[in-house]
Amino acid sequence: NSALNVFLFKDPSSEEQFLCSICLEVFSEPVTTPCGHNFCKRCISQHWNHSRSCSCPLCKEVFTIRPKLKKNTLLSECHLQPHLTVSGLKRHQLMEPVDDLENRMCPTHQRPLELFCNTDQSCVCTMCVLLKHKNHQYESLEEACERRRSSLQKTVAQRQDMVEQRRLKVQKIRAALDQSQTEADRETQQMVKVFRDIMESVQRCLDHHLEVIKQTQTKHKERAEALIQQLQQEMCELEKSSTEAQQLSLSTDPLHVLQRCPALPPAGLKDWSSVSFEPQTCEGSAARALSELETSLSQEFKQLTSTLDLRRVQQFAVDVTLDTDTAHPYLVLSENLKQVHCGDVKKKLPDSTQRFDRCACVLGKQSFSSGRFYFEVQVKGKTNWDLGVAQESVKRKGQITYSPTHGYWTIRLRKRDQYSASVDPPVALTLWPGLVSFYDVDSANLIYSFTDCRTNSAPLIITDVQTDRL
């Protein structure tokens, strides 16, 4: 192929030397056959795929075995070299090999898309600029890409922010779903337990009354059997005596008859005329059982309802500590701020607007303005105390009246057993419906509920009127 090589170097600026003899286009991946001729790899491969034998399209040399085509690196370098040396070709834009070269060519003029028309927002070639896009605003692809890249970065940031918002929404939905499932499972367990307890109560009541009927019938049967046994014994004695009397009546000896004649009636016989045995009736047993069951279930329902109400609010448990800034100077708070009792010495404390100065009170550190909350206060064994919730804006100086009108919802104990509520008229704490309820946790009984509670926030308030610890 020396002739071809000489031709290549005679006029390196001409692109005709790089034309494939099959497609008559510039070589695409030039390869060389064993006979020395050059073709596009795709062209010669398709030519052989559609031919019965593998032969050179130029010299017609036949190859018995399909040759393994190798890239013609010299031809590729010769095609590239003029673009680096010839002044007319230096203006050509070189690029890395791409798979979608057709998409980078103008479909109208078959020239590379090198410019971006801002007027029509499309990529164009140099011929488009002179013809169809004349007088339009255009710039290089690099400049347009840089502007578009800046816009894309903002778009990416916006999309990421939208993705984050949706991710948080997904988290909230999943959390709500998990909470719903948790509550459903808890309610299911409680419902199963409640109905199982009710069924056990009904079964116990049924077993009890069946046992009562059984025992009553057993006693009745035992008495009947005892009477029957006694009667049968006397019957045997009477039959024996009757037989003896019959035989004696047949005797011909007068002396023998007179000496052996039995007493009438025989001695030891019971007078049965006053003895009676009537059928034992169970009439009314079912009605009595139902009445007793109704009473029992009514009490149990009341207890179960209180227990369920308490369990329901216990899921909203919060940790409440005492606020030292509100405590009266006579009150002594524990280190963990969980206990308070009235001391003997008045401490010297800053007289802030938050502190009670006359009534021995202290508020909780935590305050709540919405939602449901539950906390427990241990008052077992204490003889005198006030306990409740209060608005954050309550009066703290001077004499205080504990009533809902003044922002206090409290219950109190006096003289060990005198309980009362501060009503004028109208702890589980449910703020959103305006309800404040007090429960005895040990018995699960509702002590008292305040309704129509006005809220701004509701700290825990403990009033210690004696030296008992709370």
Protein backbone atom coordinates (compact mmCIF):
# COMPACT_ATOMS: atom_id res chain seq x y z
CA ASN A 1 0.00 0.00 0.00
CA SER A 2 2.95 2.30 -0.63
CA ALA A 3 1.10 4.12 -3.40
CA LEU A 4 -1.68 5.04 -1.03
CA ASN A 5 0.76 6.22 1.61
CA VAL A 6 2.56 8.44 -0.92
CA PHE A 7 -0.77 9.94 -1.91
CA LEU A 8 -1.59 10.59 1.73
CA PHE A 9 1.46 12.67 2.34
CA LYS A 10 1.37 14.58 -0.91
CA ASP A 11 -1.61 16.71 0.15
CA PRO A 12 -2.25 16.30 3.86
CA SER A 13 -4.85 19.09 3.84
CA SER A 14 -7.19 17.20 1.48
CA GLU A 15 -9.82 15.03 3.15
CA GLU A 16 -10.35 12.94 -0.04
CA GLN A 17 -7.46 10.71 0.99
CA PHE A 18 -9.51 9.70 4.03
CA LEU A 19 -12.57 8.49 2.13
CA CYS A 20 -13.72 4.89 2.46
CA SER A 21 -14.17 3.22 -0.95
CA ILE A 22 -17.37 1.54 0.27
CA CYS A 23 -19.36 4.38 1.90
CA LEU A 24 -17.41 7.21 0.19
CA GLU A 25 -17.32 9.01 3.54
CA VAL A 26 -14.40 9.94 5.81
CA PHE A 27 -13.03 6.88 7.53
CA SER A 28 -14.76 5.88 10.76
CA GLU A 29 -12.50 3.56 12.74
CA PRO A 30 -10.17 2.83 9.77
CA VAL A 31 -8.95 -0.78 9.54
CA THR A 32 -6.59 -2.50 7.08
CA THR A 33 -7.21 -5.83 5.36
CA PRO A 34 -4.39 -8.40 4.81
CA CYS A 35 -4.11 -7.17 1.21
CA GLY A 36 -3.27 -3.65 2.46
CA HIS A 37 -6.45 -1.73 1.63
CA ASN A 38 -8.25 0.51 4.15
CA PHE A 39 -11.95 0.64 4.95
CA CYS A 40 -14.29 1.74 7.74
CA LYS A 41 -14.52 -1.09 10.22
CA ARG A 42 -18.31 -0.99 10.05
CA CYS A 43 -18.37 -0.92 6.21
CA ILE A 44 -16.07 -3.86 5.61
CA SER A 45 -17.76 -5.87 8.39
CA GLN A 46 -21.23 -5.32 6.88
CA HIS A 47 -19.85 -6.08 3.42
CA TRP A 48 -18.52 -9.43 4.56
CA ASN A 49 -21.67 -10.19 6.57
CA HIS A 50 -23.73 -9.94 3.37
CA SER A 51 -21.24 -11.76 1.07
CA ARG A 52 -20.78 -15.48 0.58
CA SER A 53 -16.98 -15.13 0.85
CA CYS A 54 -14.59 -12.68 2.45
CA SER A 55 -12.82 -10.74 -0.31
CA CYS A 56 -11.33 -7.27 -0.74
CA PRO A 57 -13.79 -4.89 -2.47
CA LEU A 58 -10.88 -3.22 -4.32
CA CYS A 59 -8.47 -5.98 -5.40
CA LYS A 60 -10.97 -8.86 -5.11
CA GLU A 61 -8.50 -10.99 -3.14
CA VAL A 62 -10.36 -13.82 -1.44
CA PHE A 63 -9.59 -14.77 2.17
CA THR A 64 -10.35 -18.35 3.09
CA ILE A 65 -10.63 -17.38 6.76
CA ARG A 66 -12.28 -14.15 7.79
CA PRO A 67 -9.41 -11.85 8.77
CA LYS A 68 -9.17 -10.22 12.17
CA LEU A 69 -9.28 -6.52 11.41
CA LYS A 70 -6.86 -4.21 13.18
CA LYS A 71 -7.09 -0.47 13.54
CA ASN A 72 -4.96 1.57 11.13
CA THR A 73 -3.28 3.88 13.66
CA LEU A 74 -1.17 5.57 10.97
CA LEU A 75 -4.24 6.60 8.98
CA SER A 76 -5.93 7.91 12.13
CA GLU A 77 -2.88 10.02 13.01
CA CYS A 78 -2.66 11.32 9.44
CA HIS A 79 -6.27 12.47 9.68
CA LEU A 80 -5.59 14.26 12.96
CA GLN A 81 -2.19 15.80 12.08
CA PRO A 82 -3.48 18.39 9.55
CA HIS A 83 -5.85 19.81 12.19
CA LEU A 84 -2.83 20.56 14.33
CA THR A 85 -0.54 21.99 11.64
CA VAL A 86 -2.56 23.45 8.74
CA SER A 87 -3.76 26.98 9.51
CA GLY A 88 -7.05 26.51 7.68
CA LEU A 89 -7.85 23.42 9.75
CA LYS A 90 -6.72 24.75 13.11
CA ARG A 91 -10.08 26.48 13.38
CA HIS A 92 -11.79 23.08 13.49
CA GLN A 93 -12.93 22.02 16.94
CA LEU A 94 -11.54 18.66 17.97
CA MET A 95 -13.42 16.50 20.47
CA GLU A 96 -13.17 13.12 22.11
CA PRO A 97 -14.77 10.23 20.24
CA VAL A 98 -18.47 9.90 20.98
CA ASP A 99 -21.08 7.26 20.31
CA ASP A 100 -23.88 9.65 19.28
CA LEU A 101 -22.07 11.68 16.62
CA GLU A 102 -25.27 11.97 14.57
CA ASN A 103 -26.97 13.90 17.38
CA ARG A 104 -24.08 16.37 17.36
CA MET A 105 -24.55 17.22 13.67
CA CYS A 106 -27.02 19.74 12.26
CA PRO A 107 -29.77 17.67 10.58
CA THR A 108 -30.22 20.41 7.92
CA HIS A 109 -26.62 21.29 6.96
CA GLN A 110 -24.73 18.23 8.25
CA ARG A 111 -22.30 20.46 10.12
CA PRO A 112 -21.26 20.24 13.78
CA LEU A 113 -23.52 22.00 16.27
CA GLU A 114 -21.09 24.59 17.62
CA LEU A 115 -23.28 27.52 18.74
CA PHE A 116 -26.34 28.09 20.94
CA CYS A 117 -29.16 30.37 19.80
CA ASN A 118 -30.52 32.23 22.81
CA THR A 119 -33.48 33.51 20.80
CA ASP A 120 -34.77 30.05 19.90
CA GLN A 121 -33.05 28.21 22.77
CA SER A 122 -31.51 25.63 20.45
CA CYS A 123 -28.09 24.40 19.31
CA VAL A 124 -27.14 25.48 15.79
CA CYS A 125 -24.28 25.21 13.28
CA THR A 126 -22.48 28.07 11.51
CA MET A 127 -24.74 27.75 8.46
CA CYS A 128 -27.84 28.08 10.65
CA VAL A 129 -26.47 31.37 12.01
CA LEU A 130 -26.14 32.77 8.47
CA LEU A 131 -29.50 31.49 7.21
CA LYS A 132 -32.33 30.51 9.50
CA HIS A 133 -31.06 32.22 12.70
CA LYS A 134 -29.84 35.44 11.17
CA ASN A 135 -29.85 38.44 13.55
CA HIS A 136 -30.54 36.11 16.51
CA GLN A 137 -28.63 36.27 19.78
CA TYR A 138 -26.22 33.37 20.04
CA GLU A 139 -23.11 32.30 21.95
CA SER A 140 -20.70 29.40 22.12
CA LEU A 141 -21.80 26.10 23.51
CA GLU A 142 -19.33 26.50 26.38
CA GLU A 143 -20.76 29.87 27.44
CA ALA A 144 -24.35 28.66 27.16
CA CYS A 145 -23.44 25.50 29.04
CA GLU A 146 -21.84 27.50 31.84
CA ARG A 147 -24.98 29.59 32.26
CA ARG A 148 -27.16 26.50 32.10
CA ARG A 149 -24.90 24.70 34.59
CA SER A 150 -25.38 27.55 37.09
CA SER A 151 -29.13 27.27 36.61
CA LEU A 152 -28.91 23.50 36.99
CA GLN A 153 -27.08 23.90 40.28
CA LYS A 154 -29.93 26.04 41.58
CA THR A 155 -32.37 23.48 40.25
CA VAL A 156 -30.45 20.71 41.97
CA ALA A 157 -30.56 22.65 45.24
CA GLN A 158 -34.30 23.23 44.84
CA ARG A 159 -34.91 19.58 43.98
CA GLN A 160 -32.84 18.44 46.93
CA ASP A 161 -34.83 20.76 49.19
CA MET A 162 -38.07 19.34 47.77
CA VAL A 163 -36.74 15.82 48.24
CA GLU A 164 -35.84 16.63 51.85
CA GLN A 165 -39.32 18.06 52.45
CA ARG A 166 -40.87 14.90 51.07
CA ARG A 167 -38.48 12.73 53.03
CA LEU A 168 -39.55 14.49 56.23
CA LYS A 169 -43.18 14.10 55.20
CA VAL A 170 -42.57 10.38 54.65
CA GLN A 171 -40.97 10.18 58.10
CA LYS A 172 -43.98 11.91 59.66
CA ILE A 173 -46.41 9.64 57.84
CA ARG A 174 -44.46 6.56 58.86
CA ALA A 175 -44.19 7.81 62.44
CA ALA A 176 -47.93 8.45 62.49
CA LEU A 177 -48.52 5.01 61.01
CA ASP A 178 -46.23 3.42 63.60
CA GLN A 179 -47.99 5.32 66.38
CA SER A 180 -51.34 4.27 64.96
CA GLN A 181 -50.20 0.65 64.83
CA THR A 182 -48.83 0.87 68.37
CA GLU A 183 -52.09 2.31 69.65
CA ALA A 184 -54.08 -0.28 67.70
CA ASP A 185 -51.96 -3.08 69.18
CA ARG A 186 -52.32 -1.63 72.67
CA GLU A 187 -56.08 -1.22 72.30
CA THR A 188 -56.33 -4.73 70.89
CA GLN A 189 -54.44 -6.18 73.85
CA GLN A 190 -56.55 -4.21 76.30
CA MET A 191 -59.78 -5.20 74.54
CA VAL A 192 -58.80 -8.87 74.51
CA LYS A 193 -57.88 -8.70 78.20
CA VAL A 194 -61.07 -6.86 79.15
CA PHE A 195 -63.35 -9.25 77.31
CA ARG A 196 -61.39 -12.23 78.61
CA ASP A 197 -61.82 -10.90 82.16
CA ILE A 198 -65.54 -10.37 81.53
CA MET A 199 -65.92 -13.87 80.13
CA GLU A 200 -64.04 -15.26 83.12
CA SER A 201 -66.37 -13.34 85.44
CA VAL A 202 -69.40 -14.68 83.61
CA GLN A 203 -67.95 -18.19 83.75
CA ARG A 204 -67.23 -17.86 87.47
CA CYS A 205 -70.79 -16.68 88.07
CA LEU A 206 -72.17 -19.56 86.00
CA ASP A 207 -69.95 -22.10 87.77
CA HIS A 208 -70.98 -20.71 91.15
CA HIS A 209 -74.70 -20.96 90.50
CA LEU A 210 -74.40 -24.36 88.88
CA GLU A 211 -72.51 -25.51 91.96
CA VAL A 212 -75.22 -24.06 94.21
CA ILE A 213 -77.90 -25.98 92.28
CA LYS A 214 -75.76 -29.11 92.35
CA GLN A 215 -75.14 -28.89 96.11
CA THR A 216 -78.82 -28.17 96.82
CA GLN A 217 -79.88 -31.13 94.72
CA THR A 218 -77.25 -33.32 96.36
CA LYS A 219 -78.54 -32.47 99.86
CA HIS A 220 -82.12 -33.07 98.73
CA LYS A 221 -81.11 -36.41 97.27
CA GLU A 222 -79.23 -37.43 100.40
CA ARG A 223 -82.31 -36.66 102.57
CA ALA A 224 -84.54 -38.63 100.21
CA GLU A 225 -82.20 -41.60 100.26
CA ALA A 226 -82.05 -41.47 104.05
CA LEU A 227 -85.86 -41.46 104.33
CA ILE A 228 -86.15 -44.24 101.75
CA GLN A 229 -83.58 -46.31 103.59
CA GLN A 230 -85.41 -45.87 106.90
CA LEU A 231 -88.75 -46.69 105.31
CA GLN A 232 -87.36 -49.77 103.61
CA GLN A 233 -85.89 -50.95 106.91
CA GLU A 234 -89.25 -50.60 108.65
CA MET A 235 -90.91 -52.33 105.71
CA CYS A 236 -88.61 -55.30 106.17
CA GLU A 237 -89.42 -55.43 109.87
CA LEU A 238 -93.15 -55.20 109.19
CA GLU A 239 -93.00 -57.93 106.52
CA LYS A 240 -91.07 -60.16 108.90
CA SER A 241 -93.62 -59.50 111.65
CA SER A 242 -96.45 -60.13 109.20
CA THR A 243 -95.00 -63.48 108.20
CA GLU A 244 -94.63 -64.53 111.81
CA ALA A 245 -98.21 -63.47 112.54
CA GLN A 246 -99.47 -65.43 109.56
CA GLN A 247 -97.69 -68.59 110.68
CA LEU A 248 -98.86 -68.12 114.26
CA SER A 249 -102.43 -67.76 113.11
CA LEU A 250 -102.28 -71.28 111.71
CA SER A 251 -101.19 -72.80 115.03
CA THR A 252 -103.72 -75.18 116.84
CA ASP A 253 -102.11 -74.70 120.24
CA PRO A 254 -103.98 -71.93 122.11
CA LEU A 255 -101.21 -71.49 124.69
CA HIS A 256 -98.59 -71.13 121.98
CA VAL A 257 -100.67 -68.52 120.13
CA LEU A 258 -101.22 -66.47 123.27
CA GLN A 259 -97.58 -66.60 124.35
CA ARG A 260 -96.10 -65.69 120.92
CA CYS A 261 -98.67 -63.18 119.72
CA PRO A 262 -96.65 -60.02 118.78
CA ALA A 263 -97.49 -56.53 119.84
CA LEU A 264 -99.50 -54.48 117.36
CA PRO A 265 -97.95 -52.37 115.98
CA PRO A 266 -94.32 -53.48 116.50
CA ALA A 267 -92.27 -51.40 118.87
CA GLY A 268 -89.88 -48.72 117.42
CA LEU A 269 -91.87 -47.89 114.33
CA LYS A 270 -91.90 -44.21 113.30
CA ASP A 271 -95.05 -42.24 112.76
CA TRP A 272 -94.69 -41.18 109.10
CA SER A 273 -97.91 -39.20 108.94
CA SER A 274 -96.07 -35.97 109.86
CA VAL A 275 -93.13 -36.60 107.51
CA SER A 276 -93.31 -34.96 104.06
CA PHE A 277 -90.88 -34.77 101.13
CA GLU A 278 -91.74 -32.35 98.34
CA PRO A 279 -89.89 -31.89 94.98
CA GLN A 280 -86.98 -29.44 95.23
CA THR A 281 -87.67 -26.58 92.81
CA CYS A 282 -84.87 -24.53 91.13
CA GLU A 283 -87.30 -22.05 89.68
CA GLY A 284 -85.87 -18.50 89.66
CA SER A 285 -82.22 -19.67 89.86
CA ALA A 286 -81.42 -18.34 86.39
CA ALA A 287 -83.08 -15.00 87.14
CA ARG A 288 -81.24 -14.70 90.44
CA ALA A 289 -77.96 -15.62 88.69
CA LEU A 290 -78.53 -12.96 86.03
CA SER A 291 -79.36 -10.34 88.64
CA GLU A 292 -76.23 -11.17 90.60
CA LEU A 293 -74.18 -11.20 87.38
CA GLU A 294 -75.58 -7.82 86.41
CA THR A 295 -74.57 -6.34 89.76
CA SER A 296 -71.14 -7.95 89.60
CA LEU A 297 -70.51 -6.87 86.00
CA SER A 298 -71.73 -3.35 86.71
CA GLN A 299 -69.12 -2.98 89.44
CA GLU A 300 -66.50 -4.66 87.29
CA PHE A 301 -67.36 -2.49 84.28
CA LYS A 302 -66.96 0.60 86.41
CA GLN A 303 -63.57 -0.61 87.64
CA LEU A 304 -62.46 -1.65 84.16
CA THR A 305 -63.53 1.69 82.71
CA SER A 306 -61.49 3.55 85.32
CA THR A 307 -58.50 1.25 84.70
CA LEU A 308 -58.72 1.72 80.93
CA ASP A 309 -59.04 5.49 81.30
CA LEU A 310 -55.97 5.53 83.51
CA ARG A 311 -53.98 3.32 81.13
CA ARG A 312 -55.03 5.50 78.23
CA VAL A 313 -53.69 8.67 79.82
CA GLN A 314 -50.56 6.98 81.21
CA GLN A 315 -49.18 6.73 77.68
CA PHE A 316 -48.78 10.53 77.77
CA ALA A 317 -46.49 10.44 80.83
CA VAL A 318 -44.06 13.36 81.20
CA ASP A 319 -41.26 14.01 83.65
CA VAL A 320 -42.08 16.95 85.92
CA THR A 321 -39.59 18.61 88.26
CA LEU A 322 -40.10 21.45 90.71
CA ASP A 323 -39.14 25.03 89.85
CA THR A 324 -36.86 26.52 92.51
CA ASP A 325 -37.57 30.04 91.25
CA THR A 326 -41.24 29.73 92.31
CA ALA A 327 -40.82 27.91 95.66
CA HIS A 328 -41.90 29.71 98.83
CA PRO A 329 -38.90 30.43 101.14
CA TYR A 330 -40.18 27.95 103.75
CA LEU A 331 -40.29 25.05 101.27
CA VAL A 332 -37.38 22.62 101.08
CA LEU A 333 -36.80 20.93 97.71
CA SER A 334 -34.83 17.73 97.19
CA GLU A 335 -31.69 17.66 95.04
CA ASN A 336 -33.48 15.92 92.19
CA LEU A 337 -36.32 18.48 92.46
CA LYS A 338 -38.85 15.66 92.86
CA GLN A 339 -39.81 16.13 96.54
CA VAL A 340 -40.86 19.08 98.67
CA HIS A 341 -41.70 19.61 102.30
CA CYS A 342 -42.20 22.61 104.56
CA GLY A 343 -39.18 23.49 106.68
CA ASP A 344 -38.83 25.36 109.96
CA VAL A 345 -36.55 28.13 108.71
CA LYS A 346 -37.41 30.76 106.14
CA LYS A 347 -34.61 30.88 103.59
CA LYS A 348 -33.25 34.14 102.23
CA LEU A 349 -34.08 33.95 98.54
CA PRO A 350 -34.36 36.57 95.78
CA ASP A 351 -37.87 37.99 95.80
CA SER A 352 -38.61 37.53 92.09
CA THR A 353 -41.98 38.03 90.46
CA GLN A 354 -42.21 34.26 89.97
CA ARG A 355 -41.89 33.33 93.66
CA PHE A 356 -44.81 32.77 96.05
CA ASP A 357 -44.33 35.02 99.06
CA ARG A 358 -47.27 34.16 101.32
CA CYS A 359 -48.76 30.79 100.38
CA ALA A 360 -46.42 27.80 100.68
CA CYS A 361 -46.60 26.80 97.01
CA VAL A 362 -44.22 25.70 94.27
CA LEU A 363 -44.83 25.23 90.55
CA GLY A 364 -43.45 22.62 88.22
CA LYS A 365 -40.54 23.57 85.99
CA GLN A 366 -42.27 22.22 82.90
CA SER A 367 -45.33 23.95 81.48
CA PHE A 368 -47.80 22.74 78.88
CA SER A 369 -50.11 24.71 76.62
CA SER A 370 -51.47 21.99 74.33
CA GLY A 371 -51.65 18.23 73.91
CA ARG A 372 -52.12 15.49 76.49
CA PHE A 373 -49.89 15.02 79.51
CA TYR A 374 -49.81 12.70 82.51
CA PHE A 375 -47.72 12.82 85.66
CA GLU A 376 -47.91 11.19 89.07
CA VAL A 377 -47.48 12.74 92.52
CA GLN A 378 -46.88 10.50 95.53
CA VAL A 379 -49.10 11.64 98.42
CA LYS A 380 -49.67 8.26 100.06
CA GLY A 381 -49.54 8.53 103.85
CA LYS A 382 -49.66 12.34 103.80
CA THR A 383 -52.30 14.06 105.88
CA ASN A 384 -52.58 17.61 104.51
CA TRP A 385 -51.85 18.80 100.99
CA ASP A 386 -53.08 20.72 97.96
CA LEU A 387 -52.30 19.43 94.45
CA GLY A 388 -53.27 20.51 90.98
CA VAL A 389 -52.45 22.61 87.92
CA ALA A 390 -52.41 26.34 87.41
CA GLN A 391 -52.16 28.88 84.65
CA GLU A 392 -48.76 30.48 84.20
CA SER A 393 -50.30 33.91 84.80
CA VAL A 394 -51.69 33.12 88.27
CA LYS A 395 -51.24 35.48 91.18
CA ARG A 396 -48.23 34.60 93.34
CA LYS A 397 -48.07 37.44 95.81
CA GLY A 398 -50.26 37.91 98.86
CA GLN A 399 -53.31 35.85 99.73
CA ILE A 400 -54.34 33.40 96.99
CA THR A 401 -57.73 31.85 96.30
CA TYR A 402 -57.50 28.37 94.80
CA SER A 403 -60.31 28.25 92.26
CA PRO A 404 -60.68 27.87 88.50
CA THR A 405 -61.77 31.49 88.30
CA HIS A 406 -58.33 32.49 89.56
CA GLY A 407 -56.50 29.99 87.35
CA TYR A 408 -56.17 27.08 89.83
CA TRP A 409 -57.62 23.57 89.41
CA THR A 410 -56.75 21.70 92.60
CA ILE A 411 -57.87 19.02 95.00
CA ARG A 412 -56.94 18.99 98.67
CA LEU A 413 -56.73 16.76 101.73
CA ARG A 414 -57.37 18.05 105.28
CA LYS A 415 -57.36 16.22 108.62
CA ARG A 416 -56.24 12.94 107.03
CA ASP A 417 -59.58 12.03 105.42
CA GLN A 418 -61.37 15.20 104.31
CA TYR A 419 -61.00 15.53 100.52
CA SER A 420 -62.38 18.41 98.49
CA ALA A 421 -61.98 20.06 95.08
CA SER A 422 -61.59 23.76 94.39
CA VAL A 423 -64.75 24.35 92.40
CA ASP A 424 -66.72 27.56 92.18
CA PRO A 425 -68.44 25.81 90.17
CA PRO A 426 -67.30 25.39 86.82
CA VAL A 427 -52.96 13.54 87.75
CA ALA A 428 -53.92 13.00 84.28
CA LEU A 429 -53.85 16.20 82.36
CA THR A 430 -55.63 16.60 79.02
CA LEU A 431 -55.38 20.21 77.91
CA TRP A 432 -56.83 20.33 74.42
CA PRO A 433 -60.46 19.63 75.41
CA GLY A 434 -60.06 21.72 78.57
CA LEU A 435 -60.13 18.74 80.94
CA VAL A 436 -58.06 18.17 84.09
CA SER A 437 -58.58 14.80 85.82
CA PHE A 438 -57.19 13.36 89.04
CA TYR A 439 -56.82 9.58 89.49
CA ASP A 440 -55.91 7.31 92.36
CA VAL A 441 -53.21 5.28 90.60
CA ASP A 442 -53.34 2.38 93.07
CA SER A 443 -57.06 1.77 92.64
CA ALA A 444 -57.32 3.32 89.15
CA ASN A 445 -60.33 5.30 90.37
CA LEU A 446 -61.15 8.74 89.03
CA ILE A 447 -61.08 11.18 91.94
CA TYR A 448 -62.29 14.32 90.24
CA SER A 449 -62.37 16.04 86.84
CA PHE A 450 -62.42 19.74 86.03
CA THR A 451 -63.96 20.81 82.73
CA ASP A 452 -63.87 24.07 80.80
CA CYS A 453 -60.28 24.72 81.87
CA ARG A 454 -58.81 27.87 80.34
CA THR A 455 -55.16 27.35 79.38
CA ASN A 456 -52.11 29.41 78.70
CA SER A 457 -49.85 26.83 80.29
CA ALA A 458 -50.33 24.46 83.19
CA PRO A 459 -47.41 23.84 85.56
CA LEU A 460 -47.63 21.34 88.37
CA ILE A 461 -48.46 23.04 91.68
CA ILE A 462 -47.89 21.47 95.09
CA THR A 463 -49.07 23.26 98.21
CA ASP A 464 -47.71 21.85 101.45
CA VAL A 465 -49.77 23.07 104.40
CA GLN A 466 -48.01 20.84 106.93
CA THR A 467 -44.50 19.43 107.21
CA ASP A 468 -45.43 16.18 105.47
CA ARG A 469 -43.36 15.23 102.45
CA LEU A 470 -45.01 14.98 99.05
